[in-house]
Amino acid sequence: VGDSVRVSPKIPRPIRGWGNVNGSSIGTVKEIDGPKGKEEVVVDFPDCKEWVGFASELEISRKPFSGEKVQVCYSYCSASWFYELFMPFSLN
């Protein structure tokens, strides 16, 4: 309780649905209930208070602290975006 969490990117659709939550939403665990392996978690997300999902669908999320090394992944970017940003000249 109190941890910052988000729905794991490995989960295409939470069992109880997304509601007003998306893959980049970060919320705070409010309550955990249920038997081991089937824990239901109540999370307060900014746009969806008291969202309910299963612990297996969530992962811990936190903001990096000052000076912490992080890895940034731009896997969703297209090759054209890369060339426009880093190679502002024609390749022809």
PDB file of N, CA and C in Angstrom:
ATOM      1  N   VAL A   1       0.851  -1.173   0.000  1.00  0.00           N
ATOM      2  CA  VAL A   1       0.000   0.000   0.000  1.00  0.00           C
ATOM      3  C   VAL A   1       0.894   1.232   0.000  1.00  0.00           C
ATOM      4  N   GLY A   2       0.556   2.182  -0.888  1.00  0.00           N
ATOM      5  CA  GLY A   2       1.344   3.405  -0.995  1.00  0.00           C
ATOM      6  C   GLY A   2       2.334   3.406  -2.142  1.00  0.00           C
ATOM      7  N   ASP A   3       2.612   2.226  -2.743  1.00  0.00           N
ATOM      8  CA  ASP A   3       3.555   2.162  -3.863  1.00  0.00           C
ATOM      9  C   ASP A   3       2.962   2.775  -5.120  1.00  0.00           C
ATOM     10  N   SER A   4       3.838   3.328  -5.962  1.00  0.00           N
ATOM     11  CA  SER A   4       3.427   3.814  -7.280  1.00  0.00           C
ATOM     12  C   SER A   4       3.501   2.641  -8.248  1.00  0.00           C
ATOM     13  N   VAL A   5       2.424   2.433  -9.009  1.00  0.00           N
ATOM     14  CA  VAL A   5       2.351   1.305  -9.933  1.00  0.00           C
ATOM     15  C   VAL A   5       1.758   1.738 -11.268  1.00  0.00           C
ATOM     16  N   ARG A   6       1.918   0.887 -12.247  1.00  0.00           N
ATOM     17  CA  ARG A   6       1.265   1.036 -13.547  1.00  0.00           C
ATOM     18  C   ARG A   6       0.934  -0.352 -14.062  1.00  0.00           C
ATOM     19  N   VAL A   7       0.057  -0.418 -15.043  1.00  0.00           N
ATOM     20  CA  VAL A   7      -0.256  -1.699 -15.674  1.00  0.00           C
ATOM     21  C   VAL A   7       0.966  -2.107 -16.485  1.00  0.00           C
ATOM     22  N   SER A   8       1.393  -3.339 -16.325  1.00  0.00           N
ATOM     23  CA  SER A   8       2.574  -3.838 -17.024  1.00  0.00           C
ATOM     24  C   SER A   8       2.369  -3.766 -18.537  1.00  0.00           C
ATOM     25  N   PRO A   9       3.407  -3.370 -19.285  1.00  0.00           N
ATOM     26  CA  PRO A   9       3.303  -3.349 -20.748  1.00  0.00           C
ATOM     27  C   PRO A   9       3.070  -4.743 -21.339  1.00  0.00           C
ATOM     28  N   LYS A  10       3.311  -5.787 -20.560  1.00  0.00           N
ATOM     29  CA  LYS A  10       3.088  -7.160 -21.020  1.00  0.00           C
ATOM     30  C   LYS A  10       1.604  -7.523 -21.008  1.00  0.00           C
ATOM     31  N   ILE A  11       0.766  -6.652 -20.443  1.00  0.00           N
ATOM     32  CA  ILE A  11      -0.667  -6.922 -20.330  1.00  0.00           C
ATOM     33  C   ILE A  11      -1.402  -6.165 -21.444  1.00  0.00           C
ATOM     34  N   PRO A  12      -1.916  -6.876 -22.466  1.00  0.00           N
ATOM     35  CA  PRO A  12      -2.623  -6.179 -23.544  1.00  0.00           C
ATOM     36  C   PRO A  12      -3.937  -5.553 -23.085  1.00  0.00           C
ATOM     37  N   ARG A  13      -4.628  -6.231 -22.163  1.00  0.00           N
ATOM     38  CA  ARG A  13      -5.885  -5.713 -21.627  1.00  0.00           C
ATOM     39  C   ARG A  13      -6.089  -6.297 -20.231  1.00  0.00           C
ATOM     40  N   PRO A  14      -6.175  -5.441 -19.220  1.00  0.00           N
ATOM     41  CA  PRO A  14      -6.436  -5.970 -17.876  1.00  0.00           C
ATOM     42  C   PRO A  14      -7.760  -6.734 -17.836  1.00  0.00           C
ATOM     43  N   ILE A  15      -7.840  -7.752 -16.999  1.00  0.00           N
ATOM     44  CA  ILE A  15      -9.030  -8.605 -16.919  1.00  0.00           C
ATOM     45  C   ILE A  15     -10.288  -7.790 -16.680  1.00  0.00           C
ATOM     46  N   ARG A  16     -10.219  -6.789 -15.825  1.00  0.00           N
ATOM     47  CA  ARG A  16     -11.396  -5.960 -15.531  1.00  0.00           C
ATOM     48  C   ARG A  16     -11.478  -4.723 -16.415  1.00  0.00           C
ATOM     49  N   GLY A  17     -10.625  -4.622 -17.422  1.00  0.00           N
ATOM     50  CA  GLY A  17     -10.676  -3.512 -18.365  1.00  0.00           C
ATOM     51  C   GLY A  17      -9.804  -2.337 -17.960  1.00  0.00           C
ATOM     52  N   TRP A  18      -9.690  -1.381 -18.890  1.00  0.00           N
ATOM     53  CA  TRP A  18      -8.835  -0.220 -18.689  1.00  0.00           C
ATOM     54  C   TRP A  18      -9.520   0.913 -17.930  1.00  0.00           C
ATOM     55  N   GLY A  19     -10.819   1.089 -18.114  1.00  0.00           N
ATOM     56  CA  GLY A  19     -11.464   2.261 -17.524  1.00  0.00           C
ATOM     57  C   GLY A  19     -10.831   3.509 -18.110  1.00  0.00           C
ATOM     58  N   ASN A  20     -10.514   4.491 -17.285  1.00  0.00           N
ATOM     59  CA  ASN A  20      -9.822   5.704 -17.741  1.00  0.00           C
ATOM     60  C   ASN A  20      -8.319   5.615 -17.515  1.00  0.00           C
ATOM     61  N   VAL A  21      -7.794   4.396 -17.516  1.00  0.00           N
ATOM     62  CA  VAL A  21      -6.374   4.149 -17.299  1.00  0.00           C
ATOM     63  C   VAL A  21      -5.759   3.719 -18.620  1.00  0.00           C
ATOM     64  N   ASN A  22      -4.496   4.087 -18.853  1.00  0.00           N
ATOM     65  CA  ASN A  22      -3.786   3.583 -20.027  1.00  0.00           C
ATOM     66  C   ASN A  22      -2.405   3.111 -19.598  1.00  0.00           C
ATOM     67  N   GLY A  23      -1.632   2.613 -20.528  1.00  0.00           N
ATOM     68  CA  GLY A  23      -0.333   2.029 -20.200  1.00  0.00           C
ATOM     69  C   GLY A  23       0.677   2.984 -19.591  1.00  0.00           C
ATOM     70  N   SER A  24       0.470   4.281 -19.764  1.00  0.00           N
ATOM     71  CA  SER A  24       1.416   5.237 -19.178  1.00  0.00           C
ATOM     72  C   SER A  24       0.902   5.837 -17.873  1.00  0.00           C
ATOM     73  N   SER A  25      -0.297   5.462 -17.459  1.00  0.00           N
ATOM     74  CA  SER A  25      -0.861   5.981 -16.202  1.00  0.00           C
ATOM     75  C   SER A  25      -0.107   5.414 -15.010  1.00  0.00           C
ATOM     76  N   ILE A  26       0.214   6.279 -14.063  1.00  0.00           N
ATOM     77  CA  ILE A  26       0.867   5.853 -12.830  1.00  0.00           C
ATOM     78  C   ILE A  26      -0.039   6.227 -11.669  1.00  0.00           C
ATOM     79  N   GLY A  27      -0.333   5.235 -10.818  1.00  0.00           N
ATOM     80  CA  GLY A  27      -1.217   5.467  -9.690  1.00  0.00           C
ATOM     81  C   GLY A  27      -0.623   4.962  -8.391  1.00  0.00           C
ATOM     82  N   THR A  28      -1.348   5.171  -7.313  1.00  0.00           N
ATOM     83  CA  THR A  28      -0.904   4.780  -5.978  1.00  0.00           C
ATOM     84  C   THR A  28      -1.788   3.656  -5.446  1.00  0.00           C
ATOM     85  N   VAL A  29      -1.148   2.588  -4.967  1.00  0.00           N
ATOM     86  CA  VAL A  29      -1.886   1.452  -4.402  1.00  0.00           C
ATOM     87  C   VAL A  29      -2.588   1.919  -3.135  1.00  0.00           C
ATOM     88  N   LYS A  30      -3.902   1.672  -3.103  1.00  0.00           N
ATOM     89  CA  LYS A  30      -4.726   2.078  -1.967  1.00  0.00           C
ATOM     90  C   LYS A  30      -5.062   0.887  -1.071  1.00  0.00           C
ATOM     91  N   GLU A  31      -5.247  -0.290  -1.686  1.00  0.00           N
ATOM     92  CA  GLU A  31      -5.675  -1.473  -0.927  1.00  0.00           C
ATOM     93  C   GLU A  31      -5.290  -2.736  -1.690  1.00  0.00           C
ATOM     94  N   ILE A  32      -4.959  -3.799  -0.956  1.00  0.00           N
ATOM     95  CA  ILE A  32      -4.673  -5.116  -1.536  1.00  0.00           C
ATOM     96  C   ILE A  32      -5.512  -6.125  -0.774  1.00  0.00           C
ATOM     97  N   ASP A  33      -6.225  -6.998  -1.518  1.00  0.00           N
ATOM     98  CA  ASP A  33      -7.091  -7.970  -0.867  1.00  0.00           C
ATOM     99  C   ASP A  33      -7.157  -9.233  -1.710  1.00  0.00           C
ATOM    100  N   GLY A  34      -7.353 -10.362  -1.079  1.00  0.00           N
ATOM    101  CA  GLY A  34      -7.529 -11.620  -1.787  1.00  0.00           C
ATOM    102  C   GLY A  34      -6.455 -12.618  -1.452  1.00  0.00           C
ATOM    103  N   PRO A  35      -6.665 -13.866  -1.872  1.00  0.00           N
ATOM    104  CA  PRO A  35      -5.702 -14.930  -1.572  1.00  0.00           C
ATOM    105  C   PRO A  35      -4.423 -14.772  -2.388  1.00  0.00           C
ATOM    106  N   LYS A  36      -3.338 -15.315  -1.873  1.00  0.00           N
ATOM    107  CA  LYS A  36      -2.041 -15.237  -2.542  1.00  0.00           C
ATOM    108  C   LYS A  36      -2.143 -15.767  -3.973  1.00  0.00           C
ATOM    109  N   GLY A  37      -1.615 -15.003  -4.901  1.00  0.00           N
ATOM    110  CA  GLY A  37      -1.657 -15.366  -6.311  1.00  0.00           C
ATOM    111  C   GLY A  37      -2.871 -14.810  -7.034  1.00  0.00           C
ATOM    112  N   LYS A  38      -3.862 -14.334  -6.279  1.00  0.00           N
ATOM    113  CA  LYS A  38      -5.069 -13.761  -6.880  1.00  0.00           C
ATOM    114  C   LYS A  38      -5.439 -12.444  -6.197  1.00  0.00           C
ATOM    115  N   GLU A  39      -4.416 -11.734  -5.732  1.00  0.00           N
ATOM    116  CA  GLU A  39      -4.658 -10.488  -5.018  1.00  0.00           C
ATOM    117  C   GLU A  39      -5.282  -9.443  -5.937  1.00  0.00           C
ATOM    118  N   GLU A  40      -6.361  -8.849  -5.463  1.00  0.00           N
ATOM    119  CA  GLU A  40      -6.964  -7.713  -6.148  1.00  0.00           C
ATOM    120  C   GLU A  40      -6.377  -6.452  -5.535  1.00  0.00           C
ATOM    121  N   VAL A  41      -6.046  -5.507  -6.398  1.00  0.00           N
ATOM    122  CA  VAL A  41      -5.393  -4.288  -5.951  1.00  0.00           C
ATOM    123  C   VAL A  41      -6.253  -3.095  -6.348  1.00  0.00           C
ATOM    124  N   VAL A  42      -6.518  -2.227  -5.385  1.00  0.00           N
ATOM    125  CA  VAL A  42      -7.242  -0.977  -5.654  1.00  0.00           C
ATOM    126  C   VAL A  42      -6.182   0.105  -5.815  1.00  0.00           C
ATOM    127  N   VAL A  43      -6.236   0.802  -6.963  1.00  0.00           N
ATOM    128  CA  VAL A  43      -5.236   1.820  -7.284  1.00  0.00           C
ATOM    129  C   VAL A  43      -5.947   3.139  -7.587  1.00  0.00           C
ATOM    130  N   ASP A  44      -5.406   4.213  -7.040  1.00  0.00           N
ATOM    131  CA  ASP A  44      -5.881   5.550  -7.384  1.00  0.00           C
ATOM    132  C   ASP A  44      -4.982   6.112  -8.473  1.00  0.00           C
ATOM    133  N   PHE A  45      -5.514   6.138  -9.709  1.00  0.00           N
ATOM    134  CA  PHE A  45      -4.836   6.783 -10.824  1.00  0.00           C
ATOM    135  C   PHE A  45      -5.360   8.212 -10.923  1.00  0.00           C
ATOM    136  N   PRO A  46      -4.602   9.122 -11.524  1.00  0.00           N
ATOM    137  CA  PRO A  46      -5.066  10.508 -11.621  1.00  0.00           C
ATOM    138  C   PRO A  46      -6.448  10.650 -12.269  1.00  0.00           C
ATOM    139  N   ASP A  47      -6.722   9.870 -13.315  1.00  0.00           N
ATOM    140  CA  ASP A  47      -8.001   9.981 -14.032  1.00  0.00           C
ATOM    141  C   ASP A  47      -8.987   8.870 -13.708  1.00  0.00           C
ATOM    142  N   CYS A  48      -8.648   8.028 -12.744  1.00  0.00           N
ATOM    143  CA  CYS A  48      -9.538   6.916 -12.406  1.00  0.00           C
ATOM    144  C   CYS A  48      -9.284   6.477 -10.967  1.00  0.00           C
ATOM    145  N   LYS A  49     -10.038   7.029 -10.070  1.00  0.00           N
ATOM    146  CA  LYS A  49      -9.887   6.670  -8.652  1.00  0.00           C
ATOM    147  C   LYS A  49     -10.503   5.295  -8.405  1.00  0.00           C
ATOM    148  N   GLU A  50      -9.893   4.541  -7.523  1.00  0.00           N
ATOM    149  CA  GLU A  50     -10.355   3.216  -7.106  1.00  0.00           C
ATOM    150  C   GLU A  50     -10.486   2.220  -8.262  1.00  0.00           C
ATOM    151  N   TRP A  51      -9.528   2.265  -9.200  1.00  0.00           N
ATOM    152  CA  TRP A  51      -9.438   1.274 -10.271  1.00  0.00           C
ATOM    153  C   TRP A  51      -9.042  -0.052  -9.633  1.00  0.00           C
ATOM    154  N   VAL A  52      -9.658  -1.151 -10.061  1.00  0.00           N
ATOM    155  CA  VAL A  52      -9.373  -2.463  -9.487  1.00  0.00           C
ATOM    156  C   VAL A  52      -8.762  -3.374 -10.556  1.00  0.00           C
ATOM    157  N   GLY A  53      -7.643  -3.965 -10.221  1.00  0.00           N
ATOM    158  CA  GLY A  53      -6.980  -4.924 -11.101  1.00  0.00           C
ATOM    159  C   GLY A  53      -6.311  -5.984 -10.247  1.00  0.00           C
ATOM    160  N   PHE A  54      -5.629  -6.899 -10.897  1.00  0.00           N
ATOM    161  CA  PHE A  54      -4.925  -7.965 -10.187  1.00  0.00           C
ATOM    162  C   PHE A  54      -3.445  -7.617 -10.055  1.00  0.00           C
ATOM    163  N   ALA A  55      -2.842  -8.022  -8.944  1.00  0.00           N
ATOM    164  CA  ALA A  55      -1.434  -7.728  -8.691  1.00  0.00           C
ATOM    165  C   ALA A  55      -0.554  -8.222  -9.833  1.00  0.00           C
ATOM    166  N   SER A  56      -0.912  -9.327 -10.446  1.00  0.00           N
ATOM    167  CA  SER A  56      -0.125  -9.897 -11.544  1.00  0.00           C
ATOM    168  C   SER A  56      -0.137  -9.010 -12.786  1.00  0.00           C
ATOM    169  N   GLU A  57      -1.052  -8.052 -12.859  1.00  0.00           N
ATOM    170  CA  GLU A  57      -1.143  -7.145 -14.006  1.00  0.00           C
ATOM    171  C   GLU A  57      -0.357  -5.851 -13.803  1.00  0.00           C
ATOM    172  N   LEU A  58       0.171  -5.663 -12.605  1.00  0.00           N
ATOM    173  CA  LEU A  58       0.813  -4.400 -12.250  1.00  0.00           C
ATOM    174  C   LEU A  58       2.308  -4.540 -12.075  1.00  0.00           C
ATOM    175  N   GLU A  59       3.002  -3.409 -12.203  1.00  0.00           N
ATOM    176  CA  GLU A  59       4.412  -3.367 -11.888  1.00  0.00           C
ATOM    177  C   GLU A  59       4.711  -2.069 -11.153  1.00  0.00           C
ATOM    178  N   ILE A  60       5.725  -2.112 -10.315  1.00  0.00           N
ATOM    179  CA  ILE A  60       6.144  -0.933  -9.560  1.00  0.00           C
ATOM    180  C   ILE A  60       6.675   0.100 -10.544  1.00  0.00           C
ATOM    181  N   SER A  61       6.332   1.332 -10.314  1.00  0.00           N
ATOM    182  CA  SER A  61       6.793   2.428 -11.153  1.00  0.00           C
ATOM    183  C   SER A  61       7.175   3.584 -10.248  1.00  0.00           C
ATOM    184  N   ARG A  62       8.271   4.206 -10.551  1.00  0.00           N
ATOM    185  CA  ARG A  62       8.671   5.370  -9.772  1.00  0.00           C
ATOM    186  C   ARG A  62       9.463   6.311 -10.657  1.00  0.00           C
ATOM    187  N   LYS A  63       9.523   7.552 -10.268  1.00  0.00           N
ATOM    188  CA  LYS A  63      10.326   8.528 -10.982  1.00  0.00           C
ATOM    189  C   LYS A  63      11.785   8.335 -10.560  1.00  0.00           C
ATOM    190  N   PRO A  64      12.716   8.468 -11.507  1.00  0.00           N
ATOM    191  CA  PRO A  64      14.122   8.355 -11.125  1.00  0.00           C
ATOM    192  C   PRO A  64      14.529   9.516 -10.216  1.00  0.00           C
ATOM    193  N   PHE A  65      15.453   9.247  -9.314  1.00  0.00           N
ATOM    194  CA  PHE A  65      15.934  10.311  -8.444  1.00  0.00           C
ATOM    195  C   PHE A  65      17.072  11.057  -9.124  1.00  0.00           C
ATOM    196  N   SER A  66      17.351  12.245  -8.689  1.00  0.00           N
ATOM    197  CA  SER A  66      18.378  13.101  -9.275  1.00  0.00           C
ATOM    198  C   SER A  66      19.724  12.390  -9.289  1.00  0.00           C
ATOM    199  N   GLY A  67      20.350  12.339 -10.450  1.00  0.00           N
ATOM    200  CA  GLY A  67      21.654  11.710 -10.594  1.00  0.00           C
ATOM    201  C   GLY A  67      21.595  10.234 -10.947  1.00  0.00           C
ATOM    202  N   GLU A  68      20.402   9.619 -10.899  1.00  0.00           N
ATOM    203  CA  GLU A  68      20.269   8.201 -11.223  1.00  0.00           C
ATOM    204  C   GLU A  68      20.411   7.998 -12.722  1.00  0.00           C
ATOM    205  N   LYS A  69      21.139   6.959 -13.126  1.00  0.00           N
ATOM    206  CA  LYS A  69      21.273   6.640 -14.544  1.00  0.00           C
ATOM    207  C   LYS A  69      20.038   5.879 -14.999  1.00  0.00           C
ATOM    208  N   VAL A  70      19.507   6.255 -16.149  1.00  0.00           N
ATOM    209  CA  VAL A  70      18.335   5.598 -16.716  1.00  0.00           C
ATOM    210  C   VAL A  70      18.604   5.234 -18.158  1.00  0.00           C
ATOM    211  N   GLN A  71      17.862   4.283 -18.667  1.00  0.00           N
ATOM    212  CA  GLN A  71      17.948   3.905 -20.074  1.00  0.00           C
ATOM    213  C   GLN A  71      16.675   4.357 -20.745  1.00  0.00           C
ATOM    214  N   VAL A  72      16.818   5.090 -21.850  1.00  0.00           N
ATOM    215  CA  VAL A  72      15.669   5.587 -22.588  1.00  0.00           C
ATOM    216  C   VAL A  72      15.540   4.779 -23.864  1.00  0.00           C
ATOM    217  N   CYS A  73      14.357   4.296 -24.140  1.00  0.00           N
ATOM    218  CA  CYS A  73      14.111   3.481 -25.321  1.00  0.00           C
ATOM    219  C   CYS A  73      13.099   4.177 -26.210  1.00  0.00           C
ATOM    220  N   TYR A  74      13.455   4.364 -27.466  1.00  0.00           N
ATOM    221  CA  TYR A  74      12.558   4.999 -28.426  1.00  0.00           C
ATOM    222  C   TYR A  74      12.093   3.990 -29.466  1.00  0.00           C
ATOM    223  N   SER A  75      11.734   2.814 -29.052  1.00  0.00           N
ATOM    224  CA  SER A  75      11.387   1.748 -29.987  1.00  0.00           C
ATOM    225  C   SER A  75      10.159   2.071 -30.830  1.00  0.00           C
ATOM    226  N   TYR A  76       9.340   3.016 -30.393  1.00  0.00           N
ATOM    227  CA  TYR A  76       8.143   3.363 -31.141  1.00  0.00           C
ATOM    228  C   TYR A  76       8.415   4.371 -32.238  1.00  0.00           C
ATOM    229  N   CYS A  77       9.622   4.905 -32.321  1.00  0.00           N
ATOM    230  CA  CYS A  77       9.944   5.929 -33.313  1.00  0.00           C
ATOM    231  C   CYS A  77      10.225   5.295 -34.668  1.00  0.00           C
ATOM    232  N   SER A  78       9.858   5.997 -35.713  1.00  0.00           N
ATOM    233  CA  SER A  78      10.097   5.498 -37.064  1.00  0.00           C
ATOM    234  C   SER A  78      11.487   5.920 -37.534  1.00  0.00           C
ATOM    235  N   ALA A  79      11.977   5.256 -38.562  1.00  0.00           N
ATOM    236  CA  ALA A  79      13.279   5.604 -39.122  1.00  0.00           C
ATOM    237  C   ALA A  79      13.261   7.026 -39.665  1.00  0.00           C
ATOM    238  N   SER A  80      12.142   7.448 -40.248  1.00  0.00           N
ATOM    239  CA  SER A  80      12.073   8.806 -40.796  1.00  0.00           C
ATOM    240  C   SER A  80      12.217   9.838 -39.681  1.00  0.00           C
ATOM    241  N   TRP A  81      11.648   9.558 -38.501  1.00  0.00           N
ATOM    242  CA  TRP A  81      11.795  10.463 -37.357  1.00  0.00           C
ATOM    243  C   TRP A  81      13.264  10.580 -36.984  1.00  0.00           C
ATOM    244  N   PHE A  82      13.974   9.457 -36.974  1.00  0.00           N
ATOM    245  CA  PHE A  82      15.392   9.454 -36.616  1.00  0.00           C
ATOM    246  C   PHE A  82      16.186  10.335 -37.580  1.00  0.00           C
ATOM    247  N   TYR A  83      15.954  10.135 -38.877  1.00  0.00           N
ATOM    248  CA  TYR A  83      16.708  10.899 -39.858  1.00  0.00           C
ATOM    249  C   TYR A  83      16.367  12.386 -39.816  1.00  0.00           C
ATOM    250  N   GLU A  84      15.112  12.730 -39.568  1.00  0.00           N
ATOM    251  CA  GLU A  84      14.732  14.137 -39.472  1.00  0.00           C
ATOM    252  C   GLU A  84      15.393  14.799 -38.273  1.00  0.00           C
ATOM    253  N   LEU A  85      15.530  14.064 -37.173  1.00  0.00           N
ATOM    254  CA  LEU A  85      16.093  14.640 -35.959  1.00  0.00           C
ATOM    255  C   LEU A  85      17.616  14.682 -35.994  1.00  0.00           C
ATOM    256  N   PHE A  86      18.240  13.588 -36.410  1.00  0.00           N
ATOM    257  CA  PHE A  86      19.690  13.493 -36.309  1.00  0.00           C
ATOM    258  C   PHE A  86      20.427  13.722 -37.628  1.00  0.00           C
ATOM    259  N   MET A  87      19.728  13.693 -38.744  1.00  0.00           N
ATOM    260  CA  MET A  87      20.370  13.895 -40.037  1.00  0.00           C
ATOM    261  C   MET A  87      19.533  14.868 -40.862  1.00  0.00           C
ATOM    262  N   PRO A  88      19.601  16.161 -40.547  1.00  0.00           N
ATOM    263  CA  PRO A  88      18.722  17.135 -41.199  1.00  0.00           C
ATOM    264  C   PRO A  88      19.107  17.435 -42.656  1.00  0.00           C
ATOM    265  N   PHE A  89      19.935  16.618 -43.276  1.00  0.00           N
ATOM    266  CA  PHE A  89      20.311  16.805 -44.660  1.00  0.00           C
ATOM    267  C   PHE A  89      19.784  15.653 -45.497  1.00  0.00           C
ATOM    268  N   SER A  90      19.769  15.802 -46.781  1.00  0.00           N
ATOM    269  CA  SER A  90      19.253  14.766 -47.689  1.00  0.00           C
ATOM    270  C   SER A  90      20.253  13.629 -47.806  1.00  0.00           C
ATOM    271  N   LEU A  91      19.722  12.406 -47.826  1.00  0.00           N
ATOM    272  CA  LEU A  91      20.561  11.233 -48.009  1.00  0.00           C
ATOM    273  C   LEU A  91      20.736  10.897 -49.485  1.00  0.00           C
ATOM    274  N   ASN A  92      20.073  11.611 -50.374  1.00  0.00           N
ATOM    275  CA  ASN A  92      20.158  11.348 -51.825  1.00  0.00           C
ATOM    276  C   ASN A  92      21.363  12.013 -52.436  1.00  0.00           C
TER     277      ASN A  92
END
